[in-house]
Amino acid sequence: MKAIPHLEQYAPVWLVDQQVIPDDEAVQFNVVFQHSLYGWVNRRYRYDAFNNVLYHKGQNLLSPDAALEVQETDPWIVAKVADIPNAYGG
C-alpha cells in the first residue's frame, strides 16, 4: 500500500479509523500525527487499490486532550527518531 511510505515522514502515526469499501476496491482511513505546520491533526485518506492511488481527503485539527488520548495507544507507524520539523509541509 502506498500509505506507509508516504506517512513514514510523519511518524509516529496512529491509525484511528479504517473502512474497507469492497465494491470500489478501496480503503478509507484516518490517521493522527503531529504535523510540522499545523500541530496535531486527524487526516483522512482513501486508497484506491484498482488504480494504486492514495488520495488525501482532508484533515481536522485535534485538541491537546484528544492528541493525548491517541498517544496512550501504540502507533501504527513507529518512528525511530521523530523528525517533525523536517517533514514535508503538505
PDB file of N, CA and C in Angstrom:
ATOM      1  N   MET A   1       0.850  -1.181   0.000  1.00  0.00           N
ATOM      2  CA  MET A   1       0.000   0.000   0.000  1.00  0.00           C
ATOM      3  C   MET A   1       0.894   1.242   0.000  1.00  0.00           C
ATOM      4  N   LYS A   2       0.489   2.238  -0.719  1.00  0.00           N
ATOM      5  CA  LYS A   2       1.256   3.475  -0.832  1.00  0.00           C
ATOM      6  C   LYS A   2       1.212   4.333   0.426  1.00  0.00           C
ATOM      7  N   ALA A   3       0.326   4.042   1.331  1.00  0.00           N
ATOM      8  CA  ALA A   3       0.147   4.904   2.504  1.00  0.00           C
ATOM      9  C   ALA A   3       1.366   4.903   3.413  1.00  0.00           C
ATOM     10  N   ILE A   4       1.925   3.742   3.678  1.00  0.00           N
ATOM     11  CA  ILE A   4       3.020   3.679   4.646  1.00  0.00           C
ATOM     12  C   ILE A   4       4.243   4.473   4.188  1.00  0.00           C
ATOM     13  N   PRO A   5       4.738   4.302   2.955  1.00  0.00           N
ATOM     14  CA  PRO A   5       5.886   5.130   2.550  1.00  0.00           C
ATOM     15  C   PRO A   5       5.601   6.631   2.642  1.00  0.00           C
ATOM     16  N   HIS A   6       4.379   7.035   2.316  1.00  0.00           N
ATOM     17  CA  HIS A   6       4.020   8.457   2.405  1.00  0.00           C
ATOM     18  C   HIS A   6       3.967   8.930   3.856  1.00  0.00           C
ATOM     19  N   LEU A   7       3.375   8.130   4.733  1.00  0.00           N
ATOM     20  CA  LEU A   7       3.147   8.554   6.112  1.00  0.00           C
ATOM     21  C   LEU A   7       4.367   8.406   7.020  1.00  0.00           C
ATOM     22  N   GLU A   8       5.371   7.642   6.605  1.00  0.00           N
ATOM     23  CA  GLU A   8       6.558   7.453   7.446  1.00  0.00           C
ATOM     24  C   GLU A   8       7.224   8.773   7.814  1.00  0.00           C
ATOM     25  N   GLN A   9       7.143   9.759   6.943  1.00  0.00           N
ATOM     26  CA  GLN A   9       7.763  11.058   7.236  1.00  0.00           C
ATOM     27  C   GLN A   9       7.114  11.753   8.428  1.00  0.00           C
ATOM     28  N   TYR A  10       5.873  11.378   8.755  1.00  0.00           N
ATOM     29  CA  TYR A  10       5.152  11.992   9.869  1.00  0.00           C
ATOM     30  C   TYR A  10       5.218  11.153  11.148  1.00  0.00           C
ATOM     31  N   ALA A  11       5.909  10.028  11.119  1.00  0.00           N
ATOM     32  CA  ALA A  11       5.933   9.097  12.251  1.00  0.00           C
ATOM     33  C   ALA A  11       6.375   9.788  13.535  1.00  0.00           C
ATOM     34  N   PRO A  12       5.771   9.376  14.637  1.00  0.00           N
ATOM     35  CA  PRO A  12       4.811   8.295  14.798  1.00  0.00           C
ATOM     36  C   PRO A  12       3.415   8.676  14.300  1.00  0.00           C
ATOM     37  N   VAL A  13       2.727   7.664  13.748  1.00  0.00           N
ATOM     38  CA  VAL A  13       1.396   7.849  13.157  1.00  0.00           C
ATOM     39  C   VAL A  13       0.459   6.801  13.755  1.00  0.00           C
ATOM     40  N   TRP A  14      -0.722   7.243  14.151  1.00  0.00           N
ATOM     41  CA  TRP A  14      -1.736   6.353  14.719  1.00  0.00           C
ATOM     42  C   TRP A  14      -2.883   6.175  13.731  1.00  0.00           C
ATOM     43  N   LEU A  15      -3.257   4.928  13.469  1.00  0.00           N
ATOM     44  CA  LEU A  15      -4.427   4.604  12.651  1.00  0.00           C
ATOM     45  C   LEU A  15      -5.631   4.599  13.582  1.00  0.00           C
ATOM     46  N   VAL A  16      -6.588   5.510  13.346  1.00  0.00           N
ATOM     47  CA  VAL A  16      -7.712   5.647  14.278  1.00  0.00           C
ATOM     48  C   VAL A  16      -9.045   5.192  13.691  1.00  0.00           C
ATOM     49  N   ASP A  17      -9.113   4.985  12.391  1.00  0.00           N
ATOM     50  CA  ASP A  17     -10.358   4.528  11.767  1.00  0.00           C
ATOM     51  C   ASP A  17     -10.020   3.941  10.407  1.00  0.00           C
ATOM     52  N   GLN A  18     -10.724   2.879  10.037  1.00  0.00           N
ATOM     53  CA  GLN A  18     -10.489   2.245   8.736  1.00  0.00           C
ATOM     54  C   GLN A  18     -11.784   1.617   8.245  1.00  0.00           C
ATOM     55  N   GLN A  19     -12.090   1.835   6.982  1.00  0.00           N
ATOM     56  CA  GLN A  19     -13.297   1.274   6.379  1.00  0.00           C
ATOM     57  C   GLN A  19     -12.932   0.689   5.020  1.00  0.00           C
ATOM     58  N   VAL A  20     -13.161  -0.604   4.856  1.00  0.00           N
ATOM     59  CA  VAL A  20     -12.931  -1.269   3.577  1.00  0.00           C
ATOM     60  C   VAL A  20     -14.182  -1.097   2.728  1.00  0.00           C
ATOM     61  N   ILE A  21     -13.983  -0.709   1.463  1.00  0.00           N
ATOM     62  CA  ILE A  21     -15.093  -0.497   0.532  1.00  0.00           C
ATOM     63  C   ILE A  21     -14.896  -1.471  -0.632  1.00  0.00           C
ATOM     64  N   PRO A  22     -15.399  -2.714  -0.488  1.00  0.00           N
ATOM     65  CA  PRO A  22     -15.124  -3.757  -1.480  1.00  0.00           C
ATOM     66  C   PRO A  22     -15.616  -3.425  -2.894  1.00  0.00           C
ATOM     67  N   ASP A  23     -16.783  -2.803  -3.015  1.00  0.00           N
ATOM     68  CA  ASP A  23     -17.323  -2.501  -4.344  1.00  0.00           C
ATOM     69  C   ASP A  23     -16.430  -1.549  -5.133  1.00  0.00           C
ATOM     70  N   ASP A  24     -15.701  -0.689  -4.434  1.00  0.00           N
ATOM     71  CA  ASP A  24     -14.802   0.270  -5.086  1.00  0.00           C
ATOM     72  C   ASP A  24     -13.349  -0.186  -5.065  1.00  0.00           C
ATOM     73  N   GLU A  25     -13.089  -1.365  -4.482  1.00  0.00           N
ATOM     74  CA  GLU A  25     -11.712  -1.836  -4.287  1.00  0.00           C
ATOM     75  C   GLU A  25     -10.883  -0.747  -3.623  1.00  0.00           C
ATOM     76  N   ALA A  26     -11.399  -0.236  -2.503  1.00  0.00           N
ATOM     77  CA  ALA A  26     -10.763   0.894  -1.828  1.00  0.00           C
ATOM     78  C   ALA A  26     -10.807   0.711  -0.311  1.00  0.00           C
ATOM     79  N   VAL A  27      -9.928   1.456   0.345  1.00  0.00           N
ATOM     80  CA  VAL A  27      -9.900   1.539   1.801  1.00  0.00           C
ATOM     81  C   VAL A  27      -9.850   3.012   2.165  1.00  0.00           C
ATOM     82  N   GLN A  28     -10.755   3.427   3.041  1.00  0.00           N
ATOM     83  CA  GLN A  28     -10.729   4.799   3.552  1.00  0.00           C
ATOM     84  C   GLN A  28     -10.318   4.720   5.015  1.00  0.00           C
ATOM     85  N   PHE A  29      -9.377   5.584   5.418  1.00  0.00           N
ATOM     86  CA  PHE A  29      -8.866   5.506   6.781  1.00  0.00           C
ATOM     87  C   PHE A  29      -8.450   6.877   7.291  1.00  0.00           C
ATOM     88  N   ASN A  30      -8.429   6.994   8.618  1.00  0.00           N
ATOM     89  CA  ASN A  30      -7.984   8.218   9.284  1.00  0.00           C
ATOM     90  C   ASN A  30      -6.736   7.907  10.095  1.00  0.00           C
ATOM     91  N   VAL A  31      -5.793   8.840  10.059  1.00  0.00           N
ATOM     92  CA  VAL A  31      -4.580   8.730  10.857  1.00  0.00           C
ATOM     93  C   VAL A  31      -4.391  10.011  11.664  1.00  0.00           C
ATOM     94  N   VAL A  32      -3.712   9.888  12.786  1.00  0.00           N
ATOM     95  CA  VAL A  32      -3.400  11.033  13.638  1.00  0.00           C
ATOM     96  C   VAL A  32      -1.889  11.131  13.760  1.00  0.00           C
ATOM     97  N   PHE A  33      -1.377  12.354  13.622  1.00  0.00           N
ATOM     98  CA  PHE A  33       0.054  12.595  13.797  1.00  0.00           C
ATOM     99  C   PHE A  33       0.278  14.073  14.077  1.00  0.00           C
ATOM    100  N   GLN A  34       1.496  14.396  14.496  1.00  0.00           N
ATOM    101  CA  GLN A  34       1.852  15.790  14.754  1.00  0.00           C
ATOM    102  C   GLN A  34       2.464  16.372  13.486  1.00  0.00           C
ATOM    103  N   HIS A  35       1.774  17.322  12.884  1.00  0.00           N
ATOM    104  CA  HIS A  35       2.214  17.962  11.646  1.00  0.00           C
ATOM    105  C   HIS A  35       3.155  19.116  11.967  1.00  0.00           C
ATOM    106  N   SER A  36       4.158  19.323  11.118  1.00  0.00           N
ATOM    107  CA  SER A  36       5.164  20.359  11.382  1.00  0.00           C
ATOM    108  C   SER A  36       4.592  21.772  11.346  1.00  0.00           C
ATOM    109  N   LEU A  37       3.529  21.996  10.589  1.00  0.00           N
ATOM    110  CA  LEU A  37       2.944  23.334  10.476  1.00  0.00           C
ATOM    111  C   LEU A  37       1.658  23.510  11.270  1.00  0.00           C
ATOM    112  N   TYR A  38       0.863  22.454  11.384  1.00  0.00           N
ATOM    113  CA  TYR A  38      -0.487  22.578  11.938  1.00  0.00           C
ATOM    114  C   TYR A  38      -0.660  21.997  13.332  1.00  0.00           C
ATOM    115  N   GLY A  39       0.333  21.319  13.852  1.00  0.00           N
ATOM    116  CA  GLY A  39       0.188  20.657  15.147  1.00  0.00           C
ATOM    117  C   GLY A  39      -0.453  19.284  14.966  1.00  0.00           C
ATOM    118  N   TRP A  40      -1.206  18.836  15.949  1.00  0.00           N
ATOM    119  CA  TRP A  40      -1.827  17.510  15.891  1.00  0.00           C
ATOM    120  C   TRP A  40      -3.033  17.535  14.956  1.00  0.00           C
ATOM    121  N   VAL A  41      -3.036  16.598  13.994  1.00  0.00           N
ATOM    122  CA  VAL A  41      -4.108  16.535  13.003  1.00  0.00           C
ATOM    123  C   VAL A  41      -4.669  15.119  12.903  1.00  0.00           C
ATOM    124  N   ASN A  42      -5.934  15.055  12.515  1.00  0.00           N
ATOM    125  CA  ASN A  42      -6.598  13.814  12.140  1.00  0.00           C
ATOM    126  C   ASN A  42      -6.830  13.935  10.644  1.00  0.00           C
ATOM    127  N   ARG A  43      -6.106  13.134   9.870  1.00  0.00           N
ATOM    128  CA  ARG A  43      -6.141  13.258   8.413  1.00  0.00           C
ATOM    129  C   ARG A  43      -6.797  12.025   7.804  1.00  0.00           C
ATOM    130  N   ARG A  44      -7.661  12.247   6.807  1.00  0.00           N
ATOM    131  CA  ARG A  44      -8.354  11.159   6.118  1.00  0.00           C
ATOM    132  C   ARG A  44      -7.709  10.908   4.758  1.00  0.00           C
ATOM    133  N   TYR A  45      -7.551   9.617   4.448  1.00  0.00           N
ATOM    134  CA  TYR A  45      -7.034   9.181   3.153  1.00  0.00           C
ATOM    135  C   TYR A  45      -7.970   8.129   2.572  1.00  0.00           C
ATOM    136  N   ARG A  46      -7.891   7.981   1.270  1.00  0.00           N
ATOM    137  CA  ARG A  46      -8.590   6.892   0.575  1.00  0.00           C
ATOM    138  C   ARG A  46      -7.588   6.259  -0.375  1.00  0.00           C
ATOM    139  N   TYR A  47      -7.408   4.954  -0.223  1.00  0.00           N
ATOM    140  CA  TYR A  47      -6.515   4.216  -1.109  1.00  0.00           C
ATOM    141  C   TYR A  47      -7.357   3.451  -2.118  1.00  0.00           C
ATOM    142  N   ASP A  48      -7.157   3.747  -3.389  1.00  0.00           N
ATOM    143  CA  ASP A  48      -7.837   3.078  -4.497  1.00  0.00           C
ATOM    144  C   ASP A  48      -6.927   1.949  -4.971  1.00  0.00           C
ATOM    145  N   ALA A  49      -7.248   0.710  -4.600  1.00  0.00           N
ATOM    146  CA  ALA A  49      -6.398  -0.430  -4.936  1.00  0.00           C
ATOM    147  C   ALA A  49      -6.413  -0.735  -6.428  1.00  0.00           C
ATOM    148  N   PHE A  50      -7.533  -0.505  -7.095  1.00  0.00           N
ATOM    149  CA  PHE A  50      -7.620  -0.790  -8.529  1.00  0.00           C
ATOM    150  C   PHE A  50      -6.629   0.066  -9.310  1.00  0.00           C
ATOM    151  N   ASN A  51      -6.568   1.360  -8.998  1.00  0.00           N
ATOM    152  CA  ASN A  51      -5.668   2.276  -9.704  1.00  0.00           C
ATOM    153  C   ASN A  51      -4.349   2.511  -8.967  1.00  0.00           C
ATOM    154  N   ASN A  52      -4.193   1.923  -7.773  1.00  0.00           N
ATOM    155  CA  ASN A  52      -2.998   2.079  -6.948  1.00  0.00           C
ATOM    156  C   ASN A  52      -2.686   3.551  -6.689  1.00  0.00           C
ATOM    157  N   VAL A  53      -3.717   4.280  -6.198  1.00  0.00           N
ATOM    158  CA  VAL A  53      -3.586   5.717  -5.940  1.00  0.00           C
ATOM    159  C   VAL A  53      -4.036   6.008  -4.507  1.00  0.00           C
ATOM    160  N   LEU A  54      -3.268   6.860  -3.817  1.00  0.00           N
ATOM    161  CA  LEU A  54      -3.609   7.309  -2.475  1.00  0.00           C
ATOM    162  C   LEU A  54      -4.116   8.740  -2.561  1.00  0.00           C
ATOM    163  N   TYR A  55      -5.334   8.971  -2.070  1.00  0.00           N
ATOM    164  CA  TYR A  55      -5.946  10.302  -2.110  1.00  0.00           C
ATOM    165  C   TYR A  55      -6.001  10.899  -0.710  1.00  0.00           C
ATOM    166  N   HIS A  56      -5.612  12.151  -0.582  1.00  0.00           N
ATOM    167  CA  HIS A  56      -5.772  12.903   0.667  1.00  0.00           C
ATOM    168  C   HIS A  56      -7.178  13.491   0.635  1.00  0.00           C
ATOM    169  N   LYS A  57      -7.980  13.229   1.669  1.00  0.00           N
ATOM    170  CA  LYS A  57      -9.388  13.634   1.676  1.00  0.00           C
ATOM    171  C   LYS A  57      -9.694  14.743   2.678  1.00  0.00           C
ATOM    172  N   GLY A  58      -8.664  15.307   3.318  1.00  0.00           N
ATOM    173  CA  GLY A  58      -8.885  16.400   4.255  1.00  0.00           C
ATOM    174  C   GLY A  58      -8.339  16.091   5.630  1.00  0.00           C
ATOM    175  N   GLN A  59      -8.330  17.125   6.468  1.00  0.00           N
ATOM    176  CA  GLN A  59      -7.836  16.944   7.830  1.00  0.00           C
ATOM    177  C   GLN A  59      -8.523  17.904   8.782  1.00  0.00           C
ATOM    178  N   ASN A  60      -8.530  17.520  10.049  1.00  0.00           N
ATOM    179  CA  ASN A  60      -9.048  18.350  11.135  1.00  0.00           C
ATOM    180  C   ASN A  60      -7.973  18.468  12.196  1.00  0.00           C
ATOM    181  N   LEU A  61      -7.939  19.605  12.864  1.00  0.00           N
ATOM    182  CA  LEU A  61      -7.016  19.784  13.973  1.00  0.00           C
ATOM    183  C   LEU A  61      -7.546  19.056  15.197  1.00  0.00           C
ATOM    184  N   LEU A  62      -6.647  18.519  16.003  1.00  0.00           N
ATOM    185  CA  LEU A  62      -7.029  17.840  17.237  1.00  0.00           C
ATOM    186  C   LEU A  62      -6.763  18.741  18.426  1.00  0.00           C
ATOM    187  N   SER A  63      -7.602  18.626  19.421  1.00  0.00           N
ATOM    188  CA  SER A  63      -7.373  19.341  20.679  1.00  0.00           C
ATOM    189  C   SER A  63      -6.219  18.652  21.412  1.00  0.00           C
ATOM    190  N   PRO A  64      -5.564  19.360  22.317  1.00  0.00           N
ATOM    191  CA  PRO A  64      -4.491  18.721  23.095  1.00  0.00           C
ATOM    192  C   PRO A  64      -4.968  17.482  23.857  1.00  0.00           C
ATOM    193  N   ASP A  65      -6.183  17.522  24.389  1.00  0.00           N
ATOM    194  CA  ASP A  65      -6.712  16.363  25.118  1.00  0.00           C
ATOM    195  C   ASP A  65      -6.910  15.167  24.196  1.00  0.00           C
ATOM    196  N   ALA A  66      -7.438  15.398  22.995  1.00  0.00           N
ATOM    197  CA  ALA A  66      -7.639  14.314  22.032  1.00  0.00           C
ATOM    198  C   ALA A  66      -6.299  13.733  21.587  1.00  0.00           C
ATOM    199  N   ALA A  67      -5.302  14.586  21.390  1.00  0.00           N
ATOM    200  CA  ALA A  67      -3.969  14.121  20.993  1.00  0.00           C
ATOM    201  C   ALA A  67      -3.355  13.248  22.089  1.00  0.00           C
ATOM    202  N   LEU A  68      -3.524  13.644  23.344  1.00  0.00           N
ATOM    203  CA  LEU A  68      -3.002  12.839  24.454  1.00  0.00           C
ATOM    204  C   LEU A  68      -3.686  11.485  24.534  1.00  0.00           C
ATOM    205  N   GLU A  69      -4.986  11.467  24.297  1.00  0.00           N
ATOM    206  CA  GLU A  69      -5.739  10.211  24.335  1.00  0.00           C
ATOM    207  C   GLU A  69      -5.231   9.240  23.275  1.00  0.00           C
ATOM    208  N   VAL A  70      -4.965   9.734  22.072  1.00  0.00           N
ATOM    209  CA  VAL A  70      -4.451   8.888  20.992  1.00  0.00           C
ATOM    210  C   VAL A  70      -3.069   8.353  21.350  1.00  0.00           C
ATOM    211  N   GLN A  71      -2.238   9.185  21.947  1.00  0.00           N
ATOM    212  CA  GLN A  71      -0.865   8.793  22.269  1.00  0.00           C
ATOM    213  C   GLN A  71      -0.781   7.726  23.358  1.00  0.00           C
ATOM    214  N   GLU A  72      -1.883   7.453  24.030  1.00  0.00           N
ATOM    215  CA  GLU A  72      -1.898   6.402  25.045  1.00  0.00           C
ATOM    216  C   GLU A  72      -1.933   5.008  24.426  1.00  0.00           C
ATOM    217  N   THR A  73      -2.143   4.922  23.122  1.00  0.00           N
ATOM    218  CA  THR A  73      -2.136   3.641  22.417  1.00  0.00           C
ATOM    219  C   THR A  73      -0.853   3.534  21.590  1.00  0.00           C
ATOM    220  N   ASP A  74      -0.567   2.328  21.112  1.00  0.00           N
ATOM    221  CA  ASP A  74       0.626   2.119  20.287  1.00  0.00           C
ATOM    222  C   ASP A  74       0.412   2.688  18.890  1.00  0.00           C
ATOM    223  N   PRO A  75       1.434   3.337  18.321  1.00  0.00           N
ATOM    224  CA  PRO A  75       1.290   3.880  16.965  1.00  0.00           C
ATOM    225  C   PRO A  75       1.280   2.781  15.910  1.00  0.00           C
ATOM    226  N   TRP A  76       0.664   3.083  14.777  1.00  0.00           N
ATOM    227  CA  TRP A  76       0.623   2.195  13.611  1.00  0.00           C
ATOM    228  C   TRP A  76       1.984   2.223  12.923  1.00  0.00           C
ATOM    229  N   ILE A  77       2.554   3.402  12.762  1.00  0.00           N
ATOM    230  CA  ILE A  77       3.883   3.567  12.173  1.00  0.00           C
ATOM    231  C   ILE A  77       4.765   4.188  13.251  1.00  0.00           C
ATOM    232  N   VAL A  78       5.797   3.473  13.620  1.00  0.00           N
ATOM    233  CA  VAL A  78       6.675   3.892  14.707  1.00  0.00           C
ATOM    234  C   VAL A  78       7.855   4.672  14.144  1.00  0.00           C
ATOM    235  N   ALA A  79       8.269   5.694  14.870  1.00  0.00           N
ATOM    236  CA  ALA A  79       9.447   6.471  14.478  1.00  0.00           C
ATOM    237  C   ALA A  79      10.623   6.060  15.340  1.00  0.00           C
ATOM    238  N   LYS A  80      11.748   5.785  14.681  1.00  0.00           N
ATOM    239  CA  LYS A  80      12.967   5.542  15.453  1.00  0.00           C
ATOM    240  C   LYS A  80      13.402   6.839  16.107  1.00  0.00           C
ATOM    241  N   VAL A  81      13.346   7.914  15.324  1.00  0.00           N
ATOM    242  CA  VAL A  81      13.639   9.260  15.816  1.00  0.00           C
ATOM    243  C   VAL A  81      12.634  10.194  15.158  1.00  0.00           C
ATOM    244  N   ALA A  82      11.860  10.923  15.935  1.00  0.00           N
ATOM    245  CA  ALA A  82      10.887  11.864  15.366  1.00  0.00           C
ATOM    246  C   ALA A  82      11.628  13.023  14.706  1.00  0.00           C
ATOM    247  N   ASP A  83      11.217  13.362  13.481  1.00  0.00           N
ATOM    248  CA  ASP A  83      11.849  14.449  12.724  1.00  0.00           C
ATOM    249  C   ASP A  83      10.765  15.387  12.210  1.00  0.00           C
ATOM    250  N   ILE A  84       9.879  15.791  13.096  1.00  0.00           N
ATOM    251  CA  ILE A  84       8.725  16.607  12.723  1.00  0.00           C
ATOM    252  C   ILE A  84       9.116  17.901  12.024  1.00  0.00           C
ATOM    253  N   PRO A  85      10.150  18.630  12.465  1.00  0.00           N
ATOM    254  CA  PRO A  85      10.486  19.889  11.776  1.00  0.00           C
ATOM    255  C   PRO A  85      10.887  19.711  10.312  1.00  0.00           C
ATOM    256  N   ASN A  86      11.425  18.541   9.946  1.00  0.00           N
ATOM    257  CA  ASN A  86      11.875  18.326   8.575  1.00  0.00           C
ATOM    258  C   ASN A  86      10.888  17.546   7.720  1.00  0.00           C
ATOM    259  N   ALA A  87       9.721  17.230   8.253  1.00  0.00           N
ATOM    260  CA  ALA A  87       8.707  16.526   7.471  1.00  0.00           C
ATOM    261  C   ALA A  87       8.134  17.464   6.418  1.00  0.00           C
ATOM    262  N   TYR A  88       7.672  16.875   5.336  1.00  0.00           N
ATOM    263  CA  TYR A  88       7.059  17.635   4.247  1.00  0.00           C
ATOM    264  C   TYR A  88       5.866  18.420   4.783  1.00  0.00           C
ATOM    265  N   GLY A  89       5.711  19.648   4.350  1.00  0.00           N
ATOM    266  CA  GLY A  89       4.651  20.510   4.872  1.00  0.00           C
ATOM    267  C   GLY A  89       3.284  20.269   4.292  1.00  0.00           C
ATOM    268  N   GLY A  90       3.105  19.319   3.376  1.00  0.00           N
ATOM    269  CA  GLY A  90       1.820  19.086   2.726  1.00  0.00           C
ATOM    270  C   GLY A  90       0.935  18.158   3.461  1.00  0.00           C
TER     271      GLY A  90
END
